């Protein structure tokens, strides 16, 4: 069976390596490994999302990163707002382990790493931030969003970065149709990526 970064248990030996990335306005050294999304660098879509969020005021309440990989979105959020609880969620156990290690390296105490089923059902999120796993397929992707977007708190906002050629426009339309109670628009566009914003 072909292994993907969205497999629960990646095949192959765990071989970690350090890379330097720019998070929360400063260079940071983190660890990555094969079997997770974009193990060699900060991928372009995530970089576009982080730039789009950099100028925004940090609010209050929990933050959720759906499909955290080695952790860049969650780490950036936790660094920018140490008073907020940030949840990093991924089905991939290697991704979760790397995010935990990176949080420890950066001295973060406000980051919680969990498998999807381990997030308490009572938690609502003021912010959801994600570079969602488009390559799982449309049906699976829609299922992920149907699971998590309803957990936006009142006045909460979700930001999702999607490549235009991988269906950003159609996903934006689907979110607007599936969640009519939300205001959906495009918050940013850069280097072929769109940042979709959904607000309660």
N, C-alpha and C. Protein backbone atom coordinates (compact mmCIF):
# COMPACT_ATOMS: atom_id res chain seq x y z
N UNK A 1 0.85 -1.20 0.00
CA UNK A 1 0.00 0.00 0.00
C UNK A 1 0.88 1.24 0.00
N UNK A 2 0.55 2.20 -0.86
CA UNK A 2 1.30 3.45 -0.91
C UNK A 2 1.08 4.24 0.37
N UNK A 3 2.16 4.76 0.92
CA UNK A 3 2.06 5.55 2.14
C UNK A 3 1.95 7.03 1.79
N UNK A 4 1.12 7.74 2.51
CA UNK A 4 0.94 9.17 2.32
C UNK A 4 1.11 9.87 3.66
N UNK A 5 1.30 11.18 3.60
CA UNK A 5 1.43 11.93 4.85
C UNK A 5 0.16 11.90 5.67
N UNK A 6 -0.97 11.51 5.04
CA UNK A 6 -2.21 11.41 5.81
C UNK A 6 -2.48 9.98 6.27
N UNK A 7 -1.49 9.08 6.14
CA UNK A 7 -1.59 7.76 6.76
C UNK A 7 -1.42 7.89 8.27
N UNK A 8 -2.12 7.05 9.02
CA UNK A 8 -2.01 7.13 10.48
C UNK A 8 -0.62 6.74 10.97
N UNK A 9 -0.06 5.71 10.36
CA UNK A 9 1.26 5.22 10.78
C UNK A 9 2.16 5.14 9.55
N UNK A 10 2.99 6.15 9.31
CA UNK A 10 3.85 6.15 8.13
C UNK A 10 4.83 4.98 8.14
N UNK A 11 5.11 4.45 6.96
CA UNK A 11 6.10 3.38 6.84
C UNK A 11 7.50 3.98 6.87
N UNK A 12 8.47 3.14 7.10
CA UNK A 12 9.85 3.60 7.06
C UNK A 12 10.36 4.03 8.42
N UNK A 13 11.67 3.94 8.56
CA UNK A 13 12.31 4.31 9.81
C UNK A 13 12.20 5.82 10.05
N UNK A 14 12.01 6.19 11.30
CA UNK A 14 11.95 7.60 11.66
C UNK A 14 13.37 8.17 11.69
N UNK A 15 13.65 9.06 10.76
CA UNK A 15 14.95 9.74 10.72
C UNK A 15 14.70 11.24 10.75
N UNK A 16 14.93 11.83 11.89
CA UNK A 16 14.65 13.26 12.04
C UNK A 16 15.83 14.08 11.52
N UNK A 17 15.52 15.30 11.13
CA UNK A 17 16.54 16.25 10.71
C UNK A 17 16.07 17.65 11.07
N UNK A 18 17.00 18.55 11.21
CA UNK A 18 16.69 19.93 11.55
C UNK A 18 16.60 20.77 10.29
N UNK A 19 15.64 21.69 10.29
CA UNK A 19 15.55 22.71 9.25
C UNK A 19 15.30 24.04 9.94
N UNK A 20 15.66 25.12 9.25
CA UNK A 20 15.38 26.45 9.79
C UNK A 20 14.23 27.06 9.01
N UNK A 21 13.24 27.57 9.73
CA UNK A 21 12.06 28.19 9.12
C UNK A 21 11.78 29.50 9.83
N UNK A 22 10.96 30.33 9.19
CA UNK A 22 10.59 31.61 9.76
C UNK A 22 9.19 31.49 10.35
N UNK A 23 9.07 31.60 11.66
CA UNK A 23 7.78 31.51 12.34
C UNK A 23 7.65 32.66 13.32
N UNK A 24 6.48 33.28 13.34
CA UNK A 24 6.20 34.37 14.29
C UNK A 24 7.28 35.44 14.25
N UNK A 25 7.70 35.77 13.04
CA UNK A 25 8.61 36.90 12.86
C UNK A 25 10.06 36.65 13.14
N UNK A 26 10.48 35.39 13.29
CA UNK A 26 11.88 35.12 13.60
C UNK A 26 12.28 33.75 13.06
N UNK A 27 13.57 33.55 12.78
CA UNK A 27 14.02 32.22 12.36
C UNK A 27 13.97 31.24 13.52
N UNK A 28 13.52 30.02 13.24
CA UNK A 28 13.41 28.98 14.27
C UNK A 28 13.97 27.68 13.70
N UNK A 29 14.63 26.92 14.53
CA UNK A 29 15.11 25.60 14.13
C UNK A 29 14.14 24.55 14.65
N UNK A 30 13.64 23.73 13.73
CA UNK A 30 12.66 22.71 14.08
C UNK A 30 13.13 21.36 13.53
N UNK A 31 12.48 20.30 13.96
CA UNK A 31 12.80 18.97 13.44
C UNK A 31 11.65 18.47 12.57
N UNK A 32 12.01 17.76 11.51
CA UNK A 32 11.03 17.13 10.62
C UNK A 32 11.52 15.72 10.31
N UNK A 33 10.73 15.01 9.53
CA UNK A 33 11.11 13.65 9.13
C UNK A 33 10.26 13.25 7.93
N UNK A 34 10.70 12.23 7.22
CA UNK A 34 9.90 11.70 6.13
C UNK A 34 8.59 11.14 6.66
N UNK A 35 7.61 11.02 5.77
CA UNK A 35 6.32 10.48 6.16
C UNK A 35 5.35 11.50 6.69
N UNK A 36 5.74 12.81 6.63
CA UNK A 36 4.84 13.89 7.02
C UNK A 36 4.79 14.89 5.86
N UNK A 37 3.85 15.81 5.94
CA UNK A 37 3.68 16.79 4.87
C UNK A 37 4.85 17.77 4.85
N UNK A 38 5.42 17.99 3.67
CA UNK A 38 6.48 18.97 3.42
C UNK A 38 7.61 18.89 4.45
N UNK A 39 8.32 17.76 4.49
CA UNK A 39 9.33 17.59 5.53
C UNK A 39 10.61 18.40 5.32
N UNK A 40 10.83 18.92 4.12
CA UNK A 40 12.11 19.57 3.82
C UNK A 40 12.11 21.08 3.99
N UNK A 41 10.93 21.67 4.06
CA UNK A 41 10.86 23.14 4.11
C UNK A 41 9.43 23.54 4.48
N UNK A 42 9.26 24.83 4.74
CA UNK A 42 7.93 25.39 4.93
C UNK A 42 7.29 25.49 3.55
N UNK A 43 6.21 24.76 3.31
CA UNK A 43 5.63 24.75 1.98
C UNK A 43 5.01 26.11 1.64
N UNK A 44 4.86 26.36 0.34
CA UNK A 44 4.44 27.70 -0.12
C UNK A 44 3.05 28.07 0.39
N UNK A 45 2.13 27.10 0.38
CA UNK A 45 0.78 27.41 0.83
C UNK A 45 0.74 27.83 2.29
N UNK A 46 1.44 27.10 3.14
CA UNK A 46 1.49 27.46 4.56
C UNK A 46 2.14 28.82 4.74
N UNK A 47 3.19 29.11 3.97
CA UNK A 47 3.84 30.42 4.06
C UNK A 47 2.87 31.53 3.68
N UNK A 48 2.05 31.30 2.65
CA UNK A 48 1.04 32.30 2.26
C UNK A 48 0.04 32.51 3.39
N UNK A 49 -0.42 31.42 4.01
CA UNK A 49 -1.37 31.54 5.11
C UNK A 49 -0.76 32.32 6.28
N UNK A 50 0.46 31.99 6.66
CA UNK A 50 1.08 32.67 7.80
C UNK A 50 1.30 34.15 7.51
N UNK A 51 1.65 34.49 6.27
CA UNK A 51 1.78 35.91 5.92
C UNK A 51 0.44 36.62 6.01
N UNK A 52 -0.62 35.96 5.55
CA UNK A 52 -1.95 36.57 5.59
C UNK A 52 -2.41 36.82 7.02
N UNK A 53 -1.99 35.96 7.95
CA UNK A 53 -2.41 36.08 9.35
C UNK A 53 -1.48 36.96 10.17
N UNK A 54 -0.30 37.27 9.64
CA UNK A 54 0.72 37.96 10.44
C UNK A 54 0.27 39.33 10.93
N UNK A 55 -0.50 40.03 10.11
CA UNK A 55 -0.91 41.37 10.50
C UNK A 55 -2.20 41.42 11.29
N UNK A 56 -2.84 40.27 11.46
CA UNK A 56 -4.13 40.24 12.16
C UNK A 56 -3.93 40.35 13.67
N UNK A 57 -4.86 40.98 14.32
CA UNK A 57 -4.83 41.04 15.78
C UNK A 57 -5.12 39.65 16.33
N UNK A 58 -4.31 39.22 17.30
CA UNK A 58 -4.59 37.95 17.96
C UNK A 58 -5.77 38.13 18.89
N UNK A 59 -6.77 37.29 18.74
CA UNK A 59 -7.94 37.39 19.59
C UNK A 59 -7.79 36.57 20.85
N UNK A 60 -8.91 36.10 21.34
CA UNK A 60 -8.94 35.27 22.54
C UNK A 60 -9.56 33.93 22.18
N UNK A 61 -9.39 32.97 23.05
CA UNK A 61 -10.01 31.67 22.84
C UNK A 61 -9.10 30.71 22.09
N UNK A 62 -9.46 29.43 22.10
CA UNK A 62 -8.62 28.38 21.52
C UNK A 62 -8.46 28.51 20.01
N UNK A 63 -7.30 28.05 19.54
CA UNK A 63 -6.97 28.00 18.11
C UNK A 63 -6.84 26.53 17.72
N UNK A 64 -7.31 26.17 16.53
CA UNK A 64 -7.19 24.81 16.01
C UNK A 64 -6.43 24.81 14.70
N UNK A 65 -5.43 23.94 14.60
CA UNK A 65 -4.73 23.67 13.34
C UNK A 65 -5.13 22.27 12.90
N UNK A 66 -5.86 22.17 11.79
CA UNK A 66 -6.32 20.88 11.26
C UNK A 66 -5.26 20.32 10.33
N UNK A 67 -4.74 19.14 10.64
CA UNK A 67 -3.71 18.54 9.81
C UNK A 67 -2.38 19.24 10.02
N UNK A 68 -1.85 19.14 11.23
CA UNK A 68 -0.74 20.01 11.65
C UNK A 68 0.60 19.67 11.02
N UNK A 69 0.78 18.44 10.49
CA UNK A 69 2.10 18.09 9.98
C UNK A 69 3.14 18.19 11.08
N UNK A 70 4.32 18.74 10.76
CA UNK A 70 5.34 18.92 11.80
C UNK A 70 5.10 20.16 12.65
N UNK A 71 4.02 20.91 12.34
CA UNK A 71 3.57 21.92 13.27
C UNK A 71 3.67 23.38 12.93
N UNK A 72 4.00 23.80 11.70
CA UNK A 72 4.28 25.22 11.49
C UNK A 72 3.14 26.17 11.84
N UNK A 73 1.91 25.82 11.47
CA UNK A 73 0.79 26.73 11.73
C UNK A 73 0.51 26.82 13.22
N UNK A 74 0.48 25.67 13.89
CA UNK A 74 0.23 25.66 15.33
C UNK A 74 1.36 26.33 16.10
N UNK A 75 2.60 26.06 15.71
CA UNK A 75 3.75 26.67 16.40
C UNK A 75 3.72 28.19 16.24
N UNK A 76 3.43 28.66 15.03
CA UNK A 76 3.34 30.10 14.78
C UNK A 76 2.27 30.74 15.66
N UNK A 77 1.10 30.10 15.73
CA UNK A 77 0.01 30.63 16.55
C UNK A 77 0.39 30.65 18.03
N UNK A 78 1.01 29.58 18.50
CA UNK A 78 1.38 29.49 19.92
C UNK A 78 2.47 30.49 20.28
N UNK A 79 3.40 30.73 19.36
CA UNK A 79 4.45 31.72 19.60
C UNK A 79 3.88 33.13 19.64
N UNK A 80 2.94 33.42 18.75
CA UNK A 80 2.38 34.77 18.66
C UNK A 80 1.46 35.10 19.84
N UNK A 81 0.81 34.11 20.40
CA UNK A 81 -0.18 34.35 21.45
C UNK A 81 -0.02 33.32 22.56
N UNK A 82 0.99 33.50 23.42
CA UNK A 82 1.25 32.49 24.46
C UNK A 82 0.13 32.34 25.47
N UNK A 83 -0.80 33.30 25.51
CA UNK A 83 -1.91 33.19 26.45
C UNK A 83 -3.07 32.36 25.89
N UNK A 84 -3.00 31.99 24.61
CA UNK A 84 -4.07 31.20 24.00
C UNK A 84 -3.68 29.72 23.96
N UNK A 85 -4.67 28.85 24.08
CA UNK A 85 -4.44 27.42 23.90
C UNK A 85 -4.55 27.10 22.42
N UNK A 86 -3.54 26.44 21.89
CA UNK A 86 -3.52 26.06 20.48
C UNK A 86 -3.57 24.54 20.38
N UNK A 87 -4.53 24.03 19.62
CA UNK A 87 -4.67 22.60 19.39
C UNK A 87 -4.11 22.26 18.02
N UNK A 88 -3.18 21.30 17.98
CA UNK A 88 -2.61 20.80 16.74
C UNK A 88 -3.12 19.37 16.54
N UNK A 89 -3.89 19.16 15.48
CA UNK A 89 -4.58 17.88 15.28
C UNK A 89 -4.09 17.23 13.99
N UNK A 90 -3.80 15.94 14.06
CA UNK A 90 -3.39 15.21 12.87
C UNK A 90 -3.66 13.72 13.09
N UNK A 91 -4.06 13.02 12.01
CA UNK A 91 -4.22 11.57 12.12
C UNK A 91 -2.87 10.86 12.14
N UNK A 92 -1.85 11.50 11.62
CA UNK A 92 -0.52 10.91 11.46
C UNK A 92 0.25 10.98 12.77
N UNK A 93 0.55 9.81 13.35
CA UNK A 93 1.22 9.80 14.66
C UNK A 93 2.62 10.40 14.61
N UNK A 94 3.29 10.28 13.48
CA UNK A 94 4.62 10.88 13.34
C UNK A 94 4.51 12.41 13.34
N UNK A 95 3.51 12.94 12.67
CA UNK A 95 3.29 14.38 12.69
C UNK A 95 3.07 14.88 14.11
N UNK A 96 2.26 14.15 14.86
CA UNK A 96 1.98 14.57 16.24
C UNK A 96 3.25 14.55 17.08
N UNK A 97 4.07 13.51 16.91
CA UNK A 97 5.31 13.42 17.69
C UNK A 97 6.27 14.56 17.35
N UNK A 98 6.37 14.90 16.07
CA UNK A 98 7.26 15.98 15.67
C UNK A 98 6.76 17.33 16.18
N UNK A 99 5.45 17.54 16.13
CA UNK A 99 4.90 18.80 16.64
C UNK A 99 5.16 18.93 18.13
N UNK A 100 4.98 17.84 18.87
CA UNK A 100 5.29 17.86 20.31
C UNK A 100 6.75 18.20 20.56
N UNK A 101 7.64 17.58 19.79
CA UNK A 101 9.07 17.85 19.98
C UNK A 101 9.40 19.30 19.64
N UNK A 102 8.80 19.82 18.57
CA UNK A 102 9.07 21.21 18.20
C UNK A 102 8.53 22.19 19.23
N UNK A 103 7.36 21.88 19.79
CA UNK A 103 6.82 22.74 20.84
C UNK A 103 7.75 22.76 22.04
N UNK A 104 8.29 21.61 22.41
CA UNK A 104 9.22 21.54 23.54
C UNK A 104 10.50 22.31 23.23
N UNK A 105 11.02 22.18 22.02
CA UNK A 105 12.23 22.90 21.63
C UNK A 105 12.05 24.41 21.73
N UNK A 106 10.85 24.86 21.38
CA UNK A 106 10.57 26.30 21.38
C UNK A 106 10.04 26.80 22.72
N UNK A 107 9.97 25.91 23.70
CA UNK A 107 9.55 26.31 25.04
C UNK A 107 8.08 26.65 25.16
N UNK A 108 7.26 26.06 24.30
CA UNK A 108 5.83 26.38 24.29
C UNK A 108 5.08 25.49 25.27
N UNK A 109 4.28 26.12 26.11
CA UNK A 109 3.47 25.37 27.07
C UNK A 109 1.98 25.48 26.77
N UNK A 110 1.63 26.22 25.73
CA UNK A 110 0.22 26.46 25.41
C UNK A 110 -0.25 25.66 24.21
N UNK A 111 0.53 24.67 23.78
CA UNK A 111 0.19 23.90 22.60
C UNK A 111 -0.22 22.48 23.00
N UNK A 112 -1.38 22.05 22.52
CA UNK A 112 -1.89 20.70 22.78
C UNK A 112 -1.90 19.94 21.46
N UNK A 113 -1.33 18.76 21.45
CA UNK A 113 -1.27 17.94 20.25
C UNK A 113 -2.16 16.72 20.45
N UNK A 114 -3.00 16.42 19.45
CA UNK A 114 -3.97 15.35 19.64
C UNK A 114 -4.35 14.70 18.32
N UNK A 115 -4.75 13.43 18.40
CA UNK A 115 -5.45 12.79 17.29
C UNK A 115 -6.86 13.37 17.25
N UNK A 116 -7.51 13.37 16.08
CA UNK A 116 -8.84 13.98 15.99
C UNK A 116 -9.83 13.50 17.04
N UNK A 117 -9.85 12.21 17.33
CA UNK A 117 -10.82 11.67 18.29
C UNK A 117 -10.50 12.03 19.73
N UNK A 118 -9.32 12.58 19.98
CA UNK A 118 -8.91 12.90 21.35
C UNK A 118 -9.14 14.35 21.74
N UNK A 119 -9.69 15.15 20.84
CA UNK A 119 -10.02 16.53 21.17
C UNK A 119 -11.36 16.53 21.90
N UNK A 120 -11.42 17.08 23.11
CA UNK A 120 -12.68 17.07 23.86
C UNK A 120 -13.83 17.69 23.05
N UNK A 121 -14.97 17.03 23.08
CA UNK A 121 -16.11 17.48 22.29
C UNK A 121 -16.64 18.83 22.74
N UNK A 122 -16.31 19.24 23.96
CA UNK A 122 -16.82 20.50 24.49
C UNK A 122 -16.03 21.72 24.04
N UNK A 123 -14.86 21.50 23.42
CA UNK A 123 -14.01 22.63 23.04
C UNK A 123 -14.54 23.27 21.75
N UNK A 124 -14.77 24.58 21.80
CA UNK A 124 -15.06 25.37 20.61
C UNK A 124 -13.85 26.25 20.32
N UNK A 125 -13.68 26.59 19.05
CA UNK A 125 -12.47 27.29 18.63
C UNK A 125 -12.78 28.70 18.14
N UNK A 126 -12.03 29.66 18.66
CA UNK A 126 -12.16 31.03 18.20
C UNK A 126 -11.55 31.19 16.82
N UNK A 127 -10.51 30.40 16.54
CA UNK A 127 -9.83 30.44 15.25
C UNK A 127 -9.52 29.02 14.79
N UNK A 128 -9.76 28.77 13.51
CA UNK A 128 -9.31 27.54 12.87
C UNK A 128 -8.39 27.96 11.74
N UNK A 129 -7.21 27.36 11.70
CA UNK A 129 -6.21 27.70 10.68
C UNK A 129 -5.70 26.40 10.08
N UNK A 130 -5.70 26.31 8.75
CA UNK A 130 -5.32 25.02 8.17
C UNK A 130 -4.85 25.16 6.73
N UNK A 131 -3.86 24.34 6.41
CA UNK A 131 -3.53 24.01 5.02
C UNK A 131 -4.07 22.59 4.84
N UNK A 132 -5.35 22.47 4.49
CA UNK A 132 -6.02 21.16 4.58
C UNK A 132 -5.45 20.16 3.57
N UNK A 133 -5.57 18.87 3.88
CA UNK A 133 -5.00 17.82 3.02
C UNK A 133 -5.85 17.58 1.78
N UNK A 134 -5.72 18.45 0.80
CA UNK A 134 -6.53 18.38 -0.41
C UNK A 134 -6.43 17.02 -1.08
N UNK A 135 -5.25 16.41 -1.04
CA UNK A 135 -5.03 15.18 -1.79
C UNK A 135 -5.69 13.95 -1.18
N UNK A 136 -6.38 14.10 -0.05
CA UNK A 136 -7.16 12.96 0.46
C UNK A 136 -8.38 12.70 -0.42
N UNK A 137 -8.73 13.66 -1.28
CA UNK A 137 -9.91 13.53 -2.13
C UNK A 137 -11.05 14.39 -1.61
N UNK A 138 -11.94 14.75 -2.53
CA UNK A 138 -13.00 15.70 -2.20
C UNK A 138 -13.91 15.20 -1.09
N UNK A 139 -14.33 13.95 -1.17
CA UNK A 139 -15.27 13.43 -0.16
C UNK A 139 -14.64 13.44 1.23
N UNK A 140 -13.40 12.97 1.33
CA UNK A 140 -12.73 12.94 2.63
C UNK A 140 -12.47 14.35 3.14
N UNK A 141 -12.07 15.25 2.24
CA UNK A 141 -11.83 16.64 2.64
C UNK A 141 -13.11 17.27 3.17
N UNK A 142 -14.21 17.08 2.46
CA UNK A 142 -15.48 17.62 2.92
C UNK A 142 -15.84 17.06 4.29
N UNK A 143 -15.57 15.78 4.51
CA UNK A 143 -15.83 15.18 5.82
C UNK A 143 -15.03 15.84 6.93
N UNK A 144 -13.76 16.14 6.64
CA UNK A 144 -12.92 16.82 7.63
C UNK A 144 -13.50 18.18 7.98
N UNK A 145 -13.90 18.93 6.97
CA UNK A 145 -14.43 20.27 7.23
C UNK A 145 -15.80 20.21 7.89
N UNK A 146 -16.62 19.21 7.53
CA UNK A 146 -17.92 19.04 8.20
C UNK A 146 -17.74 18.68 9.67
N UNK A 147 -16.64 18.06 9.99
CA UNK A 147 -16.36 17.71 11.39
C UNK A 147 -15.92 18.93 12.20
N UNK A 148 -15.06 19.78 11.62
CA UNK A 148 -14.41 20.81 12.43
C UNK A 148 -15.01 22.21 12.30
N UNK A 149 -15.48 22.60 11.12
CA UNK A 149 -16.00 23.97 10.99
C UNK A 149 -17.20 24.24 11.90
N UNK A 150 -18.09 23.27 12.15
CA UNK A 150 -19.18 23.54 13.10
C UNK A 150 -18.70 23.83 14.52
N UNK A 151 -17.44 23.57 14.81
CA UNK A 151 -16.92 23.83 16.15
C UNK A 151 -16.32 25.23 16.29
N UNK A 152 -16.52 26.06 15.27
CA UNK A 152 -16.16 27.47 15.42
C UNK A 152 -17.08 28.11 16.45
N UNK A 153 -16.50 28.85 17.37
CA UNK A 153 -17.29 29.56 18.37
C UNK A 153 -18.03 30.73 17.71
N UNK A 154 -18.99 31.29 18.42
CA UNK A 154 -19.66 32.50 17.94
C UNK A 154 -18.61 33.57 17.68
N UNK A 155 -18.71 34.22 16.54
CA UNK A 155 -17.74 35.24 16.10
C UNK A 155 -16.38 34.64 15.76
N UNK A 156 -16.28 33.32 15.65
CA UNK A 156 -15.02 32.68 15.28
C UNK A 156 -14.75 32.79 13.79
N UNK A 157 -13.49 32.57 13.42
CA UNK A 157 -13.05 32.68 12.03
C UNK A 157 -12.15 31.51 11.66
N UNK A 158 -12.39 30.96 10.49
CA UNK A 158 -11.51 29.93 9.94
C UNK A 158 -10.78 30.49 8.73
N UNK A 159 -9.50 30.17 8.62
CA UNK A 159 -8.69 30.51 7.45
C UNK A 159 -8.10 29.21 6.89
N UNK A 160 -8.39 28.93 5.62
CA UNK A 160 -7.90 27.73 4.96
C UNK A 160 -7.14 28.15 3.71
N UNK A 161 -5.93 27.65 3.52
CA UNK A 161 -5.17 27.97 2.31
C UNK A 161 -5.24 26.79 1.35
N UNK A 162 -5.57 27.11 0.09
CA UNK A 162 -5.74 26.07 -0.93
C UNK A 162 -5.17 26.60 -2.25
N UNK A 163 -4.45 25.75 -2.96
CA UNK A 163 -3.94 26.14 -4.28
C UNK A 163 -5.10 26.31 -5.25
N UNK A 164 -5.02 27.36 -6.06
CA UNK A 164 -6.08 27.61 -7.03
C UNK A 164 -6.26 26.41 -7.96
N UNK A 165 -5.15 25.81 -8.42
CA UNK A 165 -5.26 24.71 -9.38
C UNK A 165 -5.74 23.41 -8.73
N UNK A 166 -5.82 23.40 -7.40
CA UNK A 166 -6.36 22.23 -6.69
C UNK A 166 -7.78 22.46 -6.20
N UNK A 167 -8.41 23.53 -6.69
CA UNK A 167 -9.84 23.70 -6.42
C UNK A 167 -10.21 24.70 -5.35
N UNK A 168 -9.40 25.76 -5.18
CA UNK A 168 -9.71 26.76 -4.15
C UNK A 168 -11.08 27.39 -4.37
N UNK A 169 -11.39 27.75 -5.62
CA UNK A 169 -12.66 28.43 -5.89
C UNK A 169 -13.85 27.51 -5.61
N UNK A 170 -13.75 26.26 -6.05
CA UNK A 170 -14.88 25.35 -5.83
C UNK A 170 -15.04 25.02 -4.35
N UNK A 171 -13.93 24.93 -3.61
CA UNK A 171 -14.04 24.66 -2.17
C UNK A 171 -14.67 25.85 -1.46
N UNK A 172 -14.31 27.06 -1.88
CA UNK A 172 -14.93 28.25 -1.27
C UNK A 172 -16.43 28.24 -1.50
N UNK A 173 -16.85 27.89 -2.71
CA UNK A 173 -18.29 27.83 -3.00
C UNK A 173 -18.97 26.74 -2.17
N UNK A 174 -18.31 25.59 -2.04
CA UNK A 174 -18.90 24.49 -1.26
C UNK A 174 -19.07 24.89 0.20
N UNK A 175 -18.08 25.53 0.78
CA UNK A 175 -18.19 25.95 2.19
C UNK A 175 -19.36 26.90 2.35
N UNK A 176 -19.50 27.85 1.42
CA UNK A 176 -20.61 28.79 1.50
C UNK A 176 -21.96 28.11 1.40
N UNK A 177 -22.05 27.06 0.58
CA UNK A 177 -23.30 26.32 0.42
C UNK A 177 -23.57 25.40 1.61
N UNK A 178 -22.52 24.74 2.10
CA UNK A 178 -22.66 23.77 3.18
C UNK A 178 -22.90 24.44 4.53
N UNK A 179 -22.37 25.65 4.70
CA UNK A 179 -22.48 26.36 5.97
C UNK A 179 -23.07 27.75 5.73
N UNK A 180 -24.38 27.82 5.42
CA UNK A 180 -24.99 29.11 5.07
C UNK A 180 -24.97 30.11 6.22
N UNK A 181 -24.76 29.61 7.44
CA UNK A 181 -24.70 30.53 8.59
C UNK A 181 -23.37 31.26 8.66
N UNK A 182 -22.42 30.91 7.80
CA UNK A 182 -21.11 31.54 7.81
C UNK A 182 -20.97 32.50 6.63
N UNK A 183 -20.19 33.55 6.86
CA UNK A 183 -19.82 34.48 5.78
C UNK A 183 -18.49 34.00 5.21
N UNK A 184 -18.48 33.69 3.93
CA UNK A 184 -17.30 33.09 3.31
C UNK A 184 -16.77 34.02 2.22
N UNK A 185 -15.48 34.30 2.27
CA UNK A 185 -14.86 35.12 1.24
C UNK A 185 -13.39 34.72 1.10
N UNK A 186 -12.69 35.42 0.22
CA UNK A 186 -11.27 35.18 0.04
C UNK A 186 -10.50 36.27 0.77
N UNK A 187 -9.70 35.88 1.75
CA UNK A 187 -8.97 36.86 2.55
C UNK A 187 -7.67 37.30 1.90
N UNK A 188 -7.08 36.44 1.08
CA UNK A 188 -5.80 36.77 0.45
C UNK A 188 -5.59 35.85 -0.75
N UNK A 189 -4.71 36.32 -1.64
CA UNK A 189 -4.32 35.52 -2.80
C UNK A 189 -2.86 35.82 -3.08
N UNK A 190 -2.06 34.75 -3.23
CA UNK A 190 -0.62 34.96 -3.41
C UNK A 190 0.00 33.70 -4.00
N UNK A 191 0.81 33.87 -5.03
CA UNK A 191 1.60 32.77 -5.60
C UNK A 191 0.76 31.54 -5.95
N UNK A 192 -0.44 31.78 -6.48
CA UNK A 192 -1.30 30.68 -6.89
C UNK A 192 -2.10 30.04 -5.78
N UNK A 193 -2.04 30.62 -4.58
CA UNK A 193 -2.80 30.11 -3.44
C UNK A 193 -3.86 31.12 -3.01
N UNK A 194 -5.00 30.61 -2.58
CA UNK A 194 -6.06 31.44 -2.03
C UNK A 194 -6.23 31.12 -0.55
N UNK A 195 -6.44 32.16 0.25
CA UNK A 195 -6.78 31.97 1.66
C UNK A 195 -8.28 32.20 1.80
N UNK A 196 -9.00 31.12 2.06
CA UNK A 196 -10.45 31.18 2.22
C UNK A 196 -10.76 31.50 3.68
N UNK A 197 -11.65 32.47 3.87
CA UNK A 197 -12.05 32.86 5.23
C UNK A 197 -13.53 32.57 5.43
N UNK A 198 -13.84 31.92 6.55
CA UNK A 198 -15.23 31.64 6.91
C UNK A 198 -15.47 32.17 8.32
N UNK A 199 -16.48 33.03 8.47
CA UNK A 199 -16.75 33.68 9.76
C UNK A 199 -18.16 33.40 10.22
N UNK A 200 -18.30 33.13 11.51
CA UNK A 200 -19.63 32.96 12.10
C UNK A 200 -20.27 34.32 12.30
